[in-house]
């Protein structure tokens, strides 16, 4: 057994695919099975028809497949030892359609940018809201470089966190 190589002085901000706040998540109606390419903190696409009982999901989309959502990090023995973020073939994965999650940035990201996902290889990038590969998720904390842990969020209108403007409106209405 190898000796510990590093000691961190501070707690980690979060891990890719880890939820940020309890009670803020909405999941797919049923769980999918990994095709061996699904990783925590990445987006997953349907690999089989909805009527297929295997419900396979993968990182890259197949013809006619749809984006399912973000793969949540779940402590499970089903991850691959060589890559602890990747779920092995046949492992059950939990996919969030909405919520607040940590991901590893793939480059510079600014607050308010859209989270984009390439349907051919699952690559995550950041860009303008409404772009071709817009997932509906939005950057909530900035990244200065690739590898930075950031928060992304997706909520229905009126759901999620209370904004300052909403709080101000509530305070004004209560004090009248």
C-alpha atoms as a PDB file:
ATOM      1  CA  UNK A   1       0.000   0.000   0.000  1.00  0.00           C
ATOM      2  CA  UNK A   2       1.353   3.401  -1.006  1.00  0.00           C
ATOM      3  CA  UNK A   3       1.841   6.183   1.503  1.00  0.00           C
ATOM      4  CA  UNK A   4      -0.225   9.345   1.341  1.00  0.00           C
ATOM      5  CA  UNK A   5       1.340  11.735  -1.177  1.00  0.00           C
ATOM      6  CA  UNK A   6      -0.482  15.012  -0.416  1.00  0.00           C
ATOM      7  CA  UNK A   7      -2.138  16.756   2.492  1.00  0.00           C
ATOM      8  CA  UNK A   8      -4.701  19.465   1.822  1.00  0.00           C
ATOM      9  CA  UNK A   9      -4.948  22.390   4.208  1.00  0.00           C
ATOM     10  CA  UNK A  10      -8.498  23.326   3.233  1.00  0.00           C
ATOM     11  CA  UNK A  11     -11.658  21.411   2.539  1.00  0.00           C
ATOM     12  CA  UNK A  12     -12.595  20.904  -1.094  1.00  0.00           C
ATOM     13  CA  UNK A  13     -15.204  23.257  -2.582  1.00  0.00           C
ATOM     14  CA  UNK A  14     -17.024  20.297  -4.015  1.00  0.00           C
ATOM     15  CA  UNK A  15     -16.649  17.440  -6.453  1.00  0.00           C
ATOM     16  CA  UNK A  16     -18.011  17.248 -10.000  1.00  0.00           C
ATOM     17  CA  UNK A  17     -21.610  16.057  -9.864  1.00  0.00           C
ATOM     18  CA  UNK A  18     -22.041  16.803  -6.155  1.00  0.00           C
ATOM     19  CA  UNK A  19     -25.230  18.642  -5.201  1.00  0.00           C
ATOM     20  CA  UNK A  20     -24.822  22.112  -3.747  1.00  0.00           C
ATOM     21  CA  UNK A  21     -28.038  22.434  -1.735  1.00  0.00           C
ATOM     22  CA  UNK A  22     -30.473  19.839  -0.446  1.00  0.00           C
ATOM     23  CA  UNK A  23     -34.024  19.931  -1.765  1.00  0.00           C
ATOM     24  CA  UNK A  24     -33.093  21.731  -4.988  1.00  0.00           C
ATOM     25  CA  UNK A  25     -32.970  18.744  -7.345  1.00  0.00           C
ATOM     26  CA  UNK A  26     -35.407  17.189  -9.813  1.00  0.00           C
ATOM     27  CA  UNK A  27     -34.485  13.828 -11.338  1.00  0.00           C
ATOM     28  CA  UNK A  28     -35.455  11.894 -14.445  1.00  0.00           C
ATOM     29  CA  UNK A  29     -38.638   9.880 -13.868  1.00  0.00           C
ATOM     30  CA  UNK A  30     -36.653   6.637 -13.762  1.00  0.00           C
ATOM     31  CA  UNK A  31     -32.991   5.701 -13.451  1.00  0.00           C
ATOM     32  CA  UNK A  32     -30.773   4.812 -16.361  1.00  0.00           C
ATOM     33  CA  UNK A  33     -27.951   2.313 -16.696  1.00  0.00           C
ATOM     34  CA  UNK A  34     -24.503   3.481 -17.756  1.00  0.00           C
ATOM     35  CA  UNK A  35     -23.057   2.324 -21.062  1.00  0.00           C
ATOM     36  CA  UNK A  36     -19.603   2.638 -19.455  1.00  0.00           C
ATOM     37  CA  UNK A  37     -18.995   6.254 -20.507  1.00  0.00           C
ATOM     38  CA  UNK A  38     -21.220   8.103 -18.013  1.00  0.00           C
ATOM     39  CA  UNK A  39     -19.309  10.233 -15.490  1.00  0.00           C
ATOM     40  CA  UNK A  40     -20.344  12.298 -12.470  1.00  0.00           C
ATOM     41  CA  UNK A  41     -20.610  15.992 -13.268  1.00  0.00           C
ATOM     42  CA  UNK A  42     -21.124  15.376 -17.006  1.00  0.00           C
ATOM     43  CA  UNK A  43     -24.251  15.351 -19.118  1.00  0.00           C
ATOM     44  CA  UNK A  44     -25.840  12.097 -20.220  1.00  0.00           C
ATOM     45  CA  UNK A  45     -27.860  11.262 -23.319  1.00  0.00           C
ATOM     46  CA  UNK A  46     -30.463   8.535 -23.832  1.00  0.00           C
ATOM     47  CA  UNK A  47     -28.934   5.647 -25.767  1.00  0.00           C
ATOM     48  CA  UNK A  48     -32.095   3.569 -26.108  1.00  0.00           C
ATOM     49  CA  UNK A  49     -35.704   4.297 -26.970  1.00  0.00           C
ATOM     50  CA  UNK A  50     -37.928   5.241 -23.999  1.00  0.00           C
ATOM     51  CA  UNK A  51     -39.840   1.972 -24.458  1.00  0.00           C
ATOM     52  CA  UNK A  52     -36.621  -0.110 -24.113  1.00  0.00           C
ATOM     53  CA  UNK A  53     -36.522  -1.541 -20.558  1.00  0.00           C
ATOM     54  CA  UNK A  54     -32.715  -1.295 -20.373  1.00  0.00           C
ATOM     55  CA  UNK A  55     -32.801   2.530 -20.271  1.00  0.00           C
ATOM     56  CA  UNK A  56     -29.170   2.943 -21.281  1.00  0.00           C
ATOM     57  CA  UNK A  57     -27.462   6.348 -20.950  1.00  0.00           C
ATOM     58  CA  UNK A  58     -24.117   7.542 -22.274  1.00  0.00           C
ATOM     59  CA  UNK A  59     -21.937  10.614 -22.620  1.00  0.00           C
ATOM     60  CA  UNK A  60     -22.148  10.974 -26.396  1.00  0.00           C
ATOM     61  CA  UNK A  61     -25.540  11.003 -28.037  1.00  0.00           C
ATOM     62  CA  UNK A  62     -26.748   8.487 -30.532  1.00  0.00           C
ATOM     63  CA  UNK A  63     -28.953   9.257 -33.505  1.00  0.00           C
ATOM     64  CA  UNK A  64     -32.217  10.731 -32.289  1.00  0.00           C
ATOM     65  CA  UNK A  65     -31.184  10.609 -28.635  1.00  0.00           C
ATOM     66  CA  UNK A  66     -31.992  13.394 -26.214  1.00  0.00           C
ATOM     67  CA  UNK A  67     -30.090  15.111 -23.446  1.00  0.00           C
ATOM     68  CA  UNK A  68     -31.281  13.609 -20.162  1.00  0.00           C
ATOM     69  CA  UNK A  69     -29.503  15.875 -17.677  1.00  0.00           C
ATOM     70  CA  UNK A  70     -26.491  16.072 -15.394  1.00  0.00           C
ATOM     71  CA  UNK A  71     -25.135  12.922 -13.748  1.00  0.00           C
ATOM     72  CA  UNK A  72     -25.161  13.280  -9.962  1.00  0.00           C
ATOM     73  CA  UNK A  73     -22.241  11.962  -7.913  1.00  0.00           C
ATOM     74  CA  UNK A  74     -23.554   9.125  -5.807  1.00  0.00           C
ATOM     75  CA  UNK A  75     -21.310   7.139  -3.493  1.00  0.00           C
ATOM     76  CA  UNK A  76     -21.418   3.745  -5.119  1.00  0.00           C
ATOM     77  CA  UNK A  77     -19.212   0.697  -5.642  1.00  0.00           C
ATOM     78  CA  UNK A  78     -20.222   0.859  -9.327  1.00  0.00           C
ATOM     79  CA  UNK A  79     -17.598   3.432 -10.332  1.00  0.00           C
ATOM     80  CA  UNK A  80     -14.508   2.287 -12.193  1.00  0.00           C
ATOM     81  CA  UNK A  81     -11.356   2.029 -10.022  1.00  0.00           C
ATOM     82  CA  UNK A  82      -9.137   3.594 -12.708  1.00  0.00           C
ATOM     83  CA  UNK A  83     -11.456   6.594 -13.031  1.00  0.00           C
ATOM     84  CA  UNK A  84     -13.595   7.153  -9.916  1.00  0.00           C
ATOM     85  CA  UNK A  85     -15.883   9.623 -11.731  1.00  0.00           C
ATOM     86  CA  UNK A  86     -16.984   7.110 -14.395  1.00  0.00           C
ATOM     87  CA  UNK A  87     -19.774   4.596 -13.859  1.00  0.00           C
ATOM     88  CA  UNK A  88     -19.104   1.126 -15.281  1.00  0.00           C
ATOM     89  CA  UNK A  89     -21.317  -0.472 -17.928  1.00  0.00           C
ATOM     90  CA  UNK A  90     -24.627  -1.549 -16.417  1.00  0.00           C
ATOM     91  CA  UNK A  91     -24.274   0.596 -13.279  1.00  0.00           C
ATOM     92  CA  UNK A  92     -27.347   2.564 -12.248  1.00  0.00           C
ATOM     93  CA  UNK A  93     -26.877   6.336 -12.565  1.00  0.00           C
ATOM     94  CA  UNK A  94     -28.868   9.191 -11.074  1.00  0.00           C
ATOM     95  CA  UNK A  95     -29.532  11.979 -13.569  1.00  0.00           C
ATOM     96  CA  UNK A  96     -30.717  15.430 -12.480  1.00  0.00           C
ATOM     97  CA  UNK A  97     -32.941  17.490 -14.753  1.00  0.00           C
ATOM     98  CA  UNK A  98     -32.763  20.511 -12.440  1.00  0.00           C
ATOM     99  CA  UNK A  99     -30.875  21.694  -9.385  1.00  0.00           C
ATOM    100  CA  UNK A 100     -27.578  23.204  -8.277  1.00  0.00           C
ATOM    101  CA  UNK A 101     -24.424  21.135  -8.856  1.00  0.00           C
ATOM    102  CA  UNK A 102     -20.656  21.415  -8.865  1.00  0.00           C
ATOM    103  CA  UNK A 103     -18.789  20.655 -12.088  1.00  0.00           C
ATOM    104  CA  UNK A 104     -15.167  20.966 -13.185  1.00  0.00           C
ATOM    105  CA  UNK A 105     -14.909  23.879 -15.630  1.00  0.00           C
ATOM    106  CA  UNK A 106     -13.448  23.102 -19.043  1.00  0.00           C
ATOM    107  CA  UNK A 107     -12.182  26.654 -19.458  1.00  0.00           C
ATOM    108  CA  UNK A 108     -12.903  30.229 -18.436  1.00  0.00           C
ATOM    109  CA  UNK A 109     -16.531  30.733 -17.392  1.00  0.00           C
ATOM    110  CA  UNK A 110     -18.386  33.836 -16.269  1.00  0.00           C
ATOM    111  CA  UNK A 111     -21.516  34.076 -14.143  1.00  0.00           C
ATOM    112  CA  UNK A 112     -24.659  34.000 -16.276  1.00  0.00           C
ATOM    113  CA  UNK A 113     -23.169  32.111 -19.215  1.00  0.00           C
ATOM    114  CA  UNK A 114     -25.053  29.127 -20.572  1.00  0.00           C
ATOM    115  CA  UNK A 115     -23.635  25.628 -20.095  1.00  0.00           C
ATOM    116  CA  UNK A 116     -23.297  24.064 -23.539  1.00  0.00           C
ATOM    117  CA  UNK A 117     -22.897  20.366 -24.297  1.00  0.00           C
ATOM    118  CA  UNK A 118     -21.716  18.922 -27.599  1.00  0.00           C
ATOM    119  CA  UNK A 119     -24.056  16.078 -28.525  1.00  0.00           C
ATOM    120  CA  UNK A 120     -21.381  14.132 -30.415  1.00  0.00           C
ATOM    121  CA  UNK A 121     -18.820  13.750 -27.633  1.00  0.00           C
ATOM    122  CA  UNK A 122     -20.454  15.197 -24.498  1.00  0.00           C
ATOM    123  CA  UNK A 123     -17.882  17.995 -24.188  1.00  0.00           C
ATOM    124  CA  UNK A 124     -18.998  20.823 -21.893  1.00  0.00           C
ATOM    125  CA  UNK A 125     -18.275  24.443 -22.845  1.00  0.00           C
ATOM    126  CA  UNK A 126     -19.724  27.826 -21.904  1.00  0.00           C
ATOM    127  CA  UNK A 127     -21.357  30.413 -24.130  1.00  0.00           C
ATOM    128  CA  UNK A 128     -24.429  32.477 -24.909  1.00  0.00           C
ATOM    129  CA  UNK A 129     -27.878  31.590 -23.641  1.00  0.00           C
ATOM    130  CA  UNK A 130     -29.906  30.161 -26.520  1.00  0.00           C
ATOM    131  CA  UNK A 131     -26.875  28.812 -28.410  1.00  0.00           C
ATOM    132  CA  UNK A 132     -27.277  25.624 -30.429  1.00  0.00           C
ATOM    133  CA  UNK A 133     -26.059  23.268 -27.679  1.00  0.00           C
ATOM    134  CA  UNK A 134     -27.584  25.191 -24.751  1.00  0.00           C
ATOM    135  CA  UNK A 135     -28.563  22.739 -21.989  1.00  0.00           C
ATOM    136  CA  UNK A 136     -30.685  25.219 -20.036  1.00  0.00           C
ATOM    137  CA  UNK A 137     -28.124  25.155 -17.199  1.00  0.00           C
ATOM    138  CA  UNK A 138     -26.443  28.445 -16.201  1.00  0.00           C
ATOM    139  CA  UNK A 139     -23.039  29.230 -14.637  1.00  0.00           C
ATOM    140  CA  UNK A 140     -23.479  30.558 -11.066  1.00  0.00           C
ATOM    141  CA  UNK A 141     -19.816  30.894  -9.995  1.00  0.00           C
ATOM    142  CA  UNK A 142     -16.952  31.966 -12.268  1.00  0.00           C
ATOM    143  CA  UNK A 143     -13.957  29.900 -13.383  1.00  0.00           C
ATOM    144  CA  UNK A 144     -10.572  31.416 -14.149  1.00  0.00           C
ATOM    145  CA  UNK A 145      -9.173  28.261 -15.759  1.00  0.00           C
ATOM    146  CA  UNK A 146      -9.972  24.708 -16.748  1.00  0.00           C
ATOM    147  CA  UNK A 147     -10.317  22.429 -13.744  1.00  0.00           C
ATOM    148  CA  UNK A 148     -11.807  25.060 -11.436  1.00  0.00           C
ATOM    149  CA  UNK A 149     -14.803  23.748  -9.504  1.00  0.00           C
ATOM    150  CA  UNK A 150     -17.859  25.876 -10.279  1.00  0.00           C
ATOM    151  CA  UNK A 151     -21.594  25.801  -9.573  1.00  0.00           C
ATOM    152  CA  UNK A 152     -24.138  25.439 -12.351  1.00  0.00           C
ATOM    153  CA  UNK A 153     -27.874  25.735 -11.880  1.00  0.00           C
ATOM    154  CA  UNK A 154     -31.138  25.024 -13.653  1.00  0.00           C
ATOM    155  CA  UNK A 155     -34.570  25.751 -12.181  1.00  0.00           C
ATOM    156  CA  UNK A 156     -38.081  26.305 -13.439  1.00  0.00           C
ATOM    157  CA  UNK A 157     -39.175  29.920 -13.503  1.00  0.00           C
ATOM    158  CA  UNK A 158     -39.987  30.938  -9.957  1.00  0.00           C
ATOM    159  CA  UNK A 159     -38.205  27.959  -8.410  1.00  0.00           C
ATOM    160  CA  UNK A 160     -34.812  27.812  -6.760  1.00  0.00           C
ATOM    161  CA  UNK A 161     -33.093  30.543  -4.829  1.00  0.00           C
ATOM    162  CA  UNK A 162     -34.693  33.807  -3.797  1.00  0.00           C
ATOM    163  CA  UNK A 163     -32.948  36.647  -5.627  1.00  0.00           C
ATOM    164  CA  UNK A 164     -32.165  39.991  -3.999  1.00  0.00           C
ATOM    165  CA  UNK A 165     -34.782  41.684  -6.173  1.00  0.00           C
ATOM    166  CA  UNK A 166     -37.408  39.144  -5.083  1.00  0.00           C
ATOM    167  CA  UNK A 167     -36.457  39.622  -1.418  1.00  0.00           C
ATOM    168  CA  UNK A 168     -36.647  43.427  -1.814  1.00  0.00           C
ATOM    169  CA  UNK A 169     -40.114  43.108  -3.361  1.00  0.00           C
ATOM    170  CA  UNK A 170     -41.283  40.883  -0.505  1.00  0.00           C
ATOM    171  CA  UNK A 171     -39.892  43.284   2.109  1.00  0.00           C
ATOM    172  CA  UNK A 172     -41.516  46.288   0.450  1.00  0.00           C
ATOM    173  CA  UNK A 173     -44.884  44.528   0.179  1.00  0.00           C
ATOM    174  CA  UNK A 174     -44.739  43.473   3.854  1.00  0.00           C
ATOM    175  CA  UNK A 175     -43.812  46.965   5.115  1.00  0.00           C
ATOM    176  CA  UNK A 176     -46.680  48.701   3.246  1.00  0.00           C
END
